[in-house]
């Protein structure tokens, strides 16, 4: 079992880059519980990259984050090699005045993998900004469910939800984008696409003597790159 506990308090105008490489080649569990406060004007960047084997792994990263005035929070999660197993992401973020929170998640699932992503941002400070970006591909009998929510509470706060999922074989996928605005001068947008690969892209690649499966995999690699 891999267990990560993070309790981070960043001071004014400080900077931190964190790189987490998690290798799980056998059946096991990865748990992360994080409480993070990004101080005024501070910058925090977090990259979590997973490499799994062929056995089922349970991955459960959870984080509570506060981004204070003028703070920046960026996180990238990747699980592209090996079996996903069971993935359950849960991130909750509060953004204060002129803060930025940018989250990107990329996951590739197959067999009977289960992917659950829940990310929420509350933009409670004036001119706070937030982005939730998900790229997921599922094959065979894998299942994916992505719940992204941005709530814009303060004036001039801005948010965007961007979710793209590709399915293949008997896989299933669901996207639940929730955009909520509680001030007339706030604005949140969203875009979501779920389904098979783009037909025109597929035909273009197949015209170059690639099989349908080969062309599909290239398109999926492009989505997740």
C-alpha atoms as a PDB file:
ATOM      1  CA  UNK A   1       0.000   0.000   0.000  1.00  0.00           C
ATOM      2  CA  UNK A   2       1.147   3.510  -0.825  1.00  0.00           C
ATOM      3  CA  UNK A   3      -0.177   6.173   1.541  1.00  0.00           C
ATOM      4  CA  UNK A   4       0.482   9.870   1.057  1.00  0.00           C
ATOM      5  CA  UNK A   5      -0.500  12.483   3.616  1.00  0.00           C
ATOM      6  CA  UNK A   6       0.045  16.091   2.676  1.00  0.00           C
ATOM      7  CA  UNK A   7      -0.516  19.067   4.965  1.00  0.00           C
ATOM      8  CA  UNK A   8       0.853  22.089   3.154  1.00  0.00           C
ATOM      9  CA  UNK A   9       0.719  25.733   4.219  1.00  0.00           C
ATOM     10  CA  UNK A  10       2.450  28.053   1.772  1.00  0.00           C
ATOM     11  CA  UNK A  11       3.550  31.506   2.838  1.00  0.00           C
ATOM     12  CA  UNK A  12       3.143  34.742   0.931  1.00  0.00           C
ATOM     13  CA  UNK A  13       4.766  34.767  -2.537  1.00  0.00           C
ATOM     14  CA  UNK A  14       6.353  31.339  -2.018  1.00  0.00           C
ATOM     15  CA  UNK A  15       6.710  28.695  -4.754  1.00  0.00           C
ATOM     16  CA  UNK A  16       6.563  24.919  -4.759  1.00  0.00           C
ATOM     17  CA  UNK A  17       6.794  22.244  -7.479  1.00  0.00           C
ATOM     18  CA  UNK A  18       5.905  18.674  -6.491  1.00  0.00           C
ATOM     19  CA  UNK A  19       6.493  15.640  -8.722  1.00  0.00           C
ATOM     20  CA  UNK A  20       4.950  12.351  -7.601  1.00  0.00           C
ATOM     21  CA  UNK A  21       5.729   9.198  -9.610  1.00  0.00           C
ATOM     22  CA  UNK A  22       3.743   6.210  -8.359  1.00  0.00           C
ATOM     23  CA  UNK A  23       4.712   2.764  -9.671  1.00  0.00           C
ATOM     24  CA  UNK A  24       2.331  -0.074  -8.754  1.00  0.00           C
ATOM     25  CA  UNK A  25       3.134  -3.280 -10.607  1.00  0.00           C
ATOM     26  CA  UNK A  26       1.162  -5.640  -8.342  1.00  0.00           C
ATOM     27  CA  UNK A  27      -2.261  -5.667  -6.730  1.00  0.00           C
ATOM     28  CA  UNK A  28      -2.455  -2.971  -4.098  1.00  0.00           C
ATOM     29  CA  UNK A  29      -3.810   0.358  -2.955  1.00  0.00           C
ATOM     30  CA  UNK A  30      -2.717   3.977  -3.326  1.00  0.00           C
ATOM     31  CA  UNK A  31      -4.303   6.538  -1.005  1.00  0.00           C
ATOM     32  CA  UNK A  32      -3.641  10.264  -0.832  1.00  0.00           C
ATOM     33  CA  UNK A  33      -5.226  12.706   1.600  1.00  0.00           C
ATOM     34  CA  UNK A  34      -4.139  16.299   1.174  1.00  0.00           C
ATOM     35  CA  UNK A  35      -4.965  19.601   2.842  1.00  0.00           C
ATOM     36  CA  UNK A  36      -3.346  22.467   0.996  1.00  0.00           C
ATOM     37  CA  UNK A  37      -3.446  26.218   1.597  1.00  0.00           C
ATOM     38  CA  UNK A  38      -1.833  28.361  -1.089  1.00  0.00           C
ATOM     39  CA  UNK A  39      -0.902  31.648   0.552  1.00  0.00           C
ATOM     40  CA  UNK A  40      -1.276  35.123  -0.923  1.00  0.00           C
ATOM     41  CA  UNK A  41       0.650  35.379  -4.184  1.00  0.00           C
ATOM     42  CA  UNK A  42       2.047  31.847  -3.796  1.00  0.00           C
ATOM     43  CA  UNK A  43       2.470  29.343  -6.649  1.00  0.00           C
ATOM     44  CA  UNK A  44       1.924  25.591  -6.322  1.00  0.00           C
ATOM     45  CA  UNK A  45       2.371  23.037  -9.112  1.00  0.00           C
ATOM     46  CA  UNK A  46       1.724  19.317  -8.646  1.00  0.00           C
ATOM     47  CA  UNK A  47       2.313  16.493 -11.143  1.00  0.00           C
ATOM     48  CA  UNK A  48       1.106  13.005 -10.197  1.00  0.00           C
ATOM     49  CA  UNK A  49       2.057  10.331 -12.716  1.00  0.00           C
ATOM     50  CA  UNK A  50       1.054   6.680 -12.300  1.00  0.00           C
ATOM     51  CA  UNK A  51       2.495   3.578 -13.933  1.00  0.00           C
ATOM     52  CA  UNK A  52       0.637   0.340 -13.195  1.00  0.00           C
ATOM     53  CA  UNK A  53       1.058  -3.331 -14.045  1.00  0.00           C
ATOM     54  CA  UNK A  54      -1.600  -5.847 -15.115  1.00  0.00           C
ATOM     55  CA  UNK A  55      -3.168  -6.396 -11.699  1.00  0.00           C
ATOM     56  CA  UNK A  56      -6.005  -4.411 -10.130  1.00  0.00           C
ATOM     57  CA  UNK A  57      -4.968  -1.384  -8.095  1.00  0.00           C
ATOM     58  CA  UNK A  58      -7.210   0.908  -6.050  1.00  0.00           C
ATOM     59  CA  UNK A  59      -6.234   4.560  -6.387  1.00  0.00           C
ATOM     60  CA  UNK A  60      -7.934   7.155  -4.201  1.00  0.00           C
ATOM     61  CA  UNK A  61      -6.468  10.692  -4.255  1.00  0.00           C
ATOM     62  CA  UNK A  62      -8.438  13.257  -2.250  1.00  0.00           C
ATOM     63  CA  UNK A  63      -7.591  16.897  -1.638  1.00  0.00           C
ATOM     64  CA  UNK A  64      -9.033  19.993   0.014  1.00  0.00           C
ATOM     65  CA  UNK A  65      -7.424  23.135  -1.371  1.00  0.00           C
ATOM     66  CA  UNK A  66      -7.676  26.853  -0.607  1.00  0.00           C
ATOM     67  CA  UNK A  67      -6.077  29.310  -3.005  1.00  0.00           C
ATOM     68  CA  UNK A  68      -5.711  32.693  -1.318  1.00  0.00           C
ATOM     69  CA  UNK A  69      -5.598  36.122  -3.001  1.00  0.00           C
ATOM     70  CA  UNK A  70      -3.423  36.143  -6.150  1.00  0.00           C
ATOM     71  CA  UNK A  71      -2.412  32.520  -5.563  1.00  0.00           C
ATOM     72  CA  UNK A  72      -1.931  29.913  -8.297  1.00  0.00           C
ATOM     73  CA  UNK A  73      -2.726  26.198  -8.056  1.00  0.00           C
ATOM     74  CA  UNK A  74      -2.000  23.777 -10.884  1.00  0.00           C
ATOM     75  CA  UNK A  75      -2.292  20.002 -10.819  1.00  0.00           C
ATOM     76  CA  UNK A  76      -1.841  17.340 -13.495  1.00  0.00           C
ATOM     77  CA  UNK A  77      -2.840  13.715 -12.920  1.00  0.00           C
ATOM     78  CA  UNK A  78      -1.853  11.005 -15.424  1.00  0.00           C
ATOM     79  CA  UNK A  79      -2.624   7.295 -15.456  1.00  0.00           C
ATOM     80  CA  UNK A  80      -1.856   6.123 -18.971  1.00  0.00           C
ATOM     81  CA  UNK A  81       0.270   2.977 -18.582  1.00  0.00           C
ATOM     82  CA  UNK A  82      -1.002  -0.311 -17.176  1.00  0.00           C
ATOM     83  CA  UNK A  83      -4.387  -1.144 -15.712  1.00  0.00           C
ATOM     84  CA  UNK A  84      -6.306   1.552 -13.919  1.00  0.00           C
ATOM     85  CA  UNK A  85      -8.134  -0.870 -11.634  1.00  0.00           C
ATOM     86  CA  UNK A  86     -10.384   1.365  -9.531  1.00  0.00           C
ATOM     87  CA  UNK A  87      -9.729   5.110  -9.623  1.00  0.00           C
ATOM     88  CA  UNK A  88     -11.638   7.494  -7.346  1.00  0.00           C
ATOM     89  CA  UNK A  89     -10.465  11.118  -7.521  1.00  0.00           C
ATOM     90  CA  UNK A  90     -12.038  13.747  -5.256  1.00  0.00           C
ATOM     91  CA  UNK A  91     -10.713  17.336  -5.307  1.00  0.00           C
ATOM     92  CA  UNK A  92     -12.462  20.309  -3.649  1.00  0.00           C
ATOM     93  CA  UNK A  93     -11.089  23.816  -4.188  1.00  0.00           C
ATOM     94  CA  UNK A  94     -11.864  27.334  -2.976  1.00  0.00           C
ATOM     95  CA  UNK A  95     -10.470  30.244  -4.941  1.00  0.00           C
ATOM     96  CA  UNK A  96     -10.142  33.713  -3.419  1.00  0.00           C
ATOM     97  CA  UNK A  97      -9.590  37.121  -5.048  1.00  0.00           C
ATOM     98  CA  UNK A  98      -7.687  36.999  -8.335  1.00  0.00           C
ATOM     99  CA  UNK A  99      -6.660  33.373  -7.774  1.00  0.00           C
ATOM    100  CA  UNK A 100      -6.239  30.685 -10.453  1.00  0.00           C
ATOM    101  CA  UNK A 101      -6.931  26.959 -10.082  1.00  0.00           C
ATOM    102  CA  UNK A 102      -6.168  24.751 -13.101  1.00  0.00           C
ATOM    103  CA  UNK A 103      -6.751  20.982 -12.943  1.00  0.00           C
ATOM    104  CA  UNK A 104      -5.992  18.467 -15.709  1.00  0.00           C
ATOM    105  CA  UNK A 105      -6.722  14.733 -15.518  1.00  0.00           C
ATOM    106  CA  UNK A 106      -5.736  12.159 -18.156  1.00  0.00           C
ATOM    107  CA  UNK A 107      -6.697   8.500 -17.775  1.00  0.00           C
ATOM    108  CA  UNK A 108      -6.731   5.466 -20.070  1.00  0.00           C
ATOM    109  CA  UNK A 109      -8.880   2.518 -18.939  1.00  0.00           C
ATOM    110  CA  UNK A 110      -9.463  -0.993 -20.281  1.00  0.00           C
ATOM    111  CA  UNK A 111     -10.849  -4.427 -19.341  1.00  0.00           C
ATOM    112  CA  UNK A 112     -13.221  -3.845 -16.402  1.00  0.00           C
ATOM    113  CA  UNK A 113     -11.511  -0.751 -14.992  1.00  0.00           C
ATOM    114  CA  UNK A 114     -13.644   1.748 -13.071  1.00  0.00           C
ATOM    115  CA  UNK A 115     -12.843   5.460 -13.308  1.00  0.00           C
ATOM    116  CA  UNK A 116     -14.552   8.035 -11.102  1.00  0.00           C
ATOM    117  CA  UNK A 117     -13.497  11.664 -11.124  1.00  0.00           C
ATOM    118  CA  UNK A 118     -15.116  14.294  -8.925  1.00  0.00           C
ATOM    119  CA  UNK A 119     -13.693  17.808  -8.996  1.00  0.00           C
ATOM    120  CA  UNK A 120     -15.281  20.970  -7.623  1.00  0.00           C
ATOM    121  CA  UNK A 121     -14.203  24.588  -7.604  1.00  0.00           C
ATOM    122  CA  UNK A 122     -15.887  27.409  -5.702  1.00  0.00           C
ATOM    123  CA  UNK A 123     -14.804  30.818  -6.959  1.00  0.00           C
ATOM    124  CA  UNK A 124     -15.558  32.918  -3.911  1.00  0.00           C
ATOM    125  CA  UNK A 125     -13.205  35.839  -4.538  1.00  0.00           C
ATOM    126  CA  UNK A 126     -13.520  38.658  -7.051  1.00  0.00           C
ATOM    127  CA  UNK A 127     -11.843  37.802 -10.395  1.00  0.00           C
ATOM    128  CA  UNK A 128     -11.064  34.261  -9.294  1.00  0.00           C
ATOM    129  CA  UNK A 129     -10.590  31.842 -12.187  1.00  0.00           C
ATOM    130  CA  UNK A 130     -10.860  28.090 -12.470  1.00  0.00           C
ATOM    131  CA  UNK A 131     -10.482  25.379 -15.115  1.00  0.00           C
ATOM    132  CA  UNK A 132     -11.389  21.693 -14.842  1.00  0.00           C
ATOM    133  CA  UNK A 133     -10.014  19.673 -17.757  1.00  0.00           C
ATOM    134  CA  UNK A 134     -10.546  15.902 -18.220  1.00  0.00           C
ATOM    135  CA  UNK A 135      -9.329  13.556 -20.968  1.00  0.00           C
ATOM    136  CA  UNK A 136     -10.445   9.938 -20.625  1.00  0.00           C
ATOM    137  CA  UNK A 137     -10.376   6.914 -22.937  1.00  0.00           C
ATOM    138  CA  UNK A 138     -12.087   3.615 -22.055  1.00  0.00           C
ATOM    139  CA  UNK A 139     -11.973   0.283 -23.892  1.00  0.00           C
ATOM    140  CA  UNK A 140     -13.364  -3.256 -23.466  1.00  0.00           C
ATOM    141  CA  UNK A 141     -15.790  -3.176 -20.514  1.00  0.00           C
ATOM    142  CA  UNK A 142     -14.293  -0.244 -18.642  1.00  0.00           C
ATOM    143  CA  UNK A 143     -16.530   2.421 -17.091  1.00  0.00           C
ATOM    144  CA  UNK A 144     -15.903   6.120 -16.552  1.00  0.00           C
ATOM    145  CA  UNK A 145     -17.911   8.790 -14.764  1.00  0.00           C
ATOM    146  CA  UNK A 146     -16.705  12.377 -14.552  1.00  0.00           C
ATOM    147  CA  UNK A 147     -18.396  14.939 -12.314  1.00  0.00           C
ATOM    148  CA  UNK A 148     -17.041  18.468 -12.739  1.00  0.00           C
ATOM    149  CA  UNK A 149     -18.587  21.398 -10.911  1.00  0.00           C
ATOM    150  CA  UNK A 150     -17.654  25.068 -10.896  1.00  0.00           C
ATOM    151  CA  UNK A 151     -19.582  27.577  -8.797  1.00  0.00           C
ATOM    152  CA  UNK A 152     -18.891  31.255  -9.532  1.00  0.00           C
ATOM    153  CA  UNK A 153     -19.944  33.312  -6.538  1.00  0.00           C
ATOM    154  CA  UNK A 154     -17.966  36.549  -6.740  1.00  0.00           C
ATOM    155  CA  UNK A 155     -18.157  39.347  -9.329  1.00  0.00           C
ATOM    156  CA  UNK A 156     -15.933  38.904 -12.405  1.00  0.00           C
ATOM    157  CA  UNK A 157     -15.091  35.328 -11.446  1.00  0.00           C
ATOM    158  CA  UNK A 158     -14.622  33.034 -14.454  1.00  0.00           C
ATOM    159  CA  UNK A 159     -14.702  29.259 -14.835  1.00  0.00           C
ATOM    160  CA  UNK A 160     -14.538  26.641 -17.573  1.00  0.00           C
ATOM    161  CA  UNK A 161     -15.238  22.891 -17.606  1.00  0.00           C
ATOM    162  CA  UNK A 162     -13.723  20.881 -20.473  1.00  0.00           C
ATOM    163  CA  UNK A 163     -14.403  17.136 -20.616  1.00  0.00           C
ATOM    164  CA  UNK A 164     -13.623  14.779 -23.491  1.00  0.00           C
ATOM    165  CA  UNK A 165     -14.171  11.016 -23.363  1.00  0.00           C
ATOM    166  CA  UNK A 166     -13.616   8.387 -26.047  1.00  0.00           C
ATOM    167  CA  UNK A 167     -15.195   4.943 -25.789  1.00  0.00           C
ATOM    168  CA  UNK A 168     -14.360   1.747 -27.646  1.00  0.00           C
ATOM    169  CA  UNK A 169     -15.784  -1.792 -27.637  1.00  0.00           C
ATOM    170  CA  UNK A 170     -18.370  -2.243 -24.837  1.00  0.00           C
ATOM    171  CA  UNK A 171     -17.062   0.503 -22.578  1.00  0.00           C
ATOM    172  CA  UNK A 172     -19.375   3.125 -21.063  1.00  0.00           C
ATOM    173  CA  UNK A 173     -18.764   6.750 -20.150  1.00  0.00           C
ATOM    174  CA  UNK A 174     -20.702   9.549 -18.485  1.00  0.00           C
ATOM    175  CA  UNK A 175     -19.942  13.225 -18.021  1.00  0.00           C
ATOM    176  CA  UNK A 176     -21.785  15.421 -15.527  1.00  0.00           C
ATOM    177  CA  UNK A 177     -20.695  19.039 -15.919  1.00  0.00           C
ATOM    178  CA  UNK A 178     -22.318  21.365 -13.393  1.00  0.00           C
ATOM    179  CA  UNK A 179     -21.901  25.092 -13.898  1.00  0.00           C
ATOM    180  CA  UNK A 180     -23.446  27.419 -11.346  1.00  0.00           C
ATOM    181  CA  UNK A 181     -23.380  31.211 -11.218  1.00  0.00           C
ATOM    182  CA  UNK A 182     -24.470  33.225  -8.190  1.00  0.00           C
ATOM    183  CA  UNK A 183     -23.530  36.727  -9.291  1.00  0.00           C
ATOM    184  CA  UNK A 184     -24.703  38.633 -12.399  1.00  0.00           C
ATOM    185  CA  UNK A 185     -21.115  39.589 -13.267  1.00  0.00           C
ATOM    186  CA  UNK A 186     -19.700  36.075 -12.995  1.00  0.00           C
ATOM    187  CA  UNK A 187     -19.427  33.672 -15.926  1.00  0.00           C
ATOM    188  CA  UNK A 188     -18.882  29.920 -16.328  1.00  0.00           C
ATOM    189  CA  UNK A 189     -18.734  27.888 -19.552  1.00  0.00           C
ATOM    190  CA  UNK A 190     -18.506  24.189 -20.306  1.00  0.00           C
ATOM    191  CA  UNK A 191     -17.941  21.801 -23.175  1.00  0.00           C
ATOM    192  CA  UNK A 192     -18.213  18.027 -23.138  1.00  0.00           C
ATOM    193  CA  UNK A 193     -17.942  15.346 -25.792  1.00  0.00           C
ATOM    194  CA  UNK A 194     -18.419  11.606 -25.343  1.00  0.00           C
ATOM    195  CA  UNK A 195     -18.398   8.847 -27.918  1.00  0.00           C
ATOM    196  CA  UNK A 196     -16.366   7.073 -30.532  1.00  0.00           C
ATOM    197  CA  UNK A 197     -13.433   8.631 -32.333  1.00  0.00           C
ATOM    198  CA  UNK A 198     -14.023  11.319 -34.928  1.00  0.00           C
ATOM    199  CA  UNK A 199     -15.023   9.652 -38.201  1.00  0.00           C
ATOM    200  CA  UNK A 200     -13.099  12.046 -40.445  1.00  0.00           C
ATOM    201  CA  UNK A 201      -9.912  11.586 -38.447  1.00  0.00           C
ATOM    202  CA  UNK A 202     -10.396   7.822 -38.587  1.00  0.00           C
ATOM    203  CA  UNK A 203     -10.909   7.786 -42.352  1.00  0.00           C
ATOM    204  CA  UNK A 204      -7.869   9.995 -42.907  1.00  0.00           C
ATOM    205  CA  UNK A 205      -5.614   7.664 -40.939  1.00  0.00           C
ATOM    206  CA  UNK A 206      -7.079   4.524 -42.531  1.00  0.00           C
ATOM    207  CA  UNK A 207      -6.360   5.995 -45.961  1.00  0.00           C
ATOM    208  CA  UNK A 208      -2.684   5.731 -44.971  1.00  0.00           C
ATOM    209  CA  UNK A 209      -2.956   1.940 -44.784  1.00  0.00           C
ATOM    210  CA  UNK A 210      -3.658   1.745 -41.068  1.00  0.00           C
ATOM    211  CA  UNK A 211      -6.243  -0.678 -39.719  1.00  0.00           C
ATOM    212  CA  UNK A 212      -9.279   0.683 -37.891  1.00  0.00           C
ATOM    213  CA  UNK A 213      -7.856  -0.387 -34.528  1.00  0.00           C
ATOM    214  CA  UNK A 214      -4.464   1.152 -35.269  1.00  0.00           C
ATOM    215  CA  UNK A 215      -6.063   4.416 -36.377  1.00  0.00           C
ATOM    216  CA  UNK A 216      -8.300   4.482 -33.300  1.00  0.00           C
ATOM    217  CA  UNK A 217      -5.335   4.012 -30.963  1.00  0.00           C
ATOM    218  CA  UNK A 218      -3.456   6.869 -32.627  1.00  0.00           C
ATOM    219  CA  UNK A 219      -6.438   9.178 -32.115  1.00  0.00           C
ATOM    220  CA  UNK A 220      -6.704   8.112 -28.469  1.00  0.00           C
ATOM    221  CA  UNK A 221      -2.988   8.745 -27.958  1.00  0.00           C
ATOM    222  CA  UNK A 222      -3.481  12.224 -29.401  1.00  0.00           C
ATOM    223  CA  UNK A 223      -6.328  12.925 -26.971  1.00  0.00           C
ATOM    224  CA  UNK A 224      -4.239  11.847 -23.994  1.00  0.00           C
ATOM    225  CA  UNK A 225      -0.945  13.431 -25.043  1.00  0.00           C
END
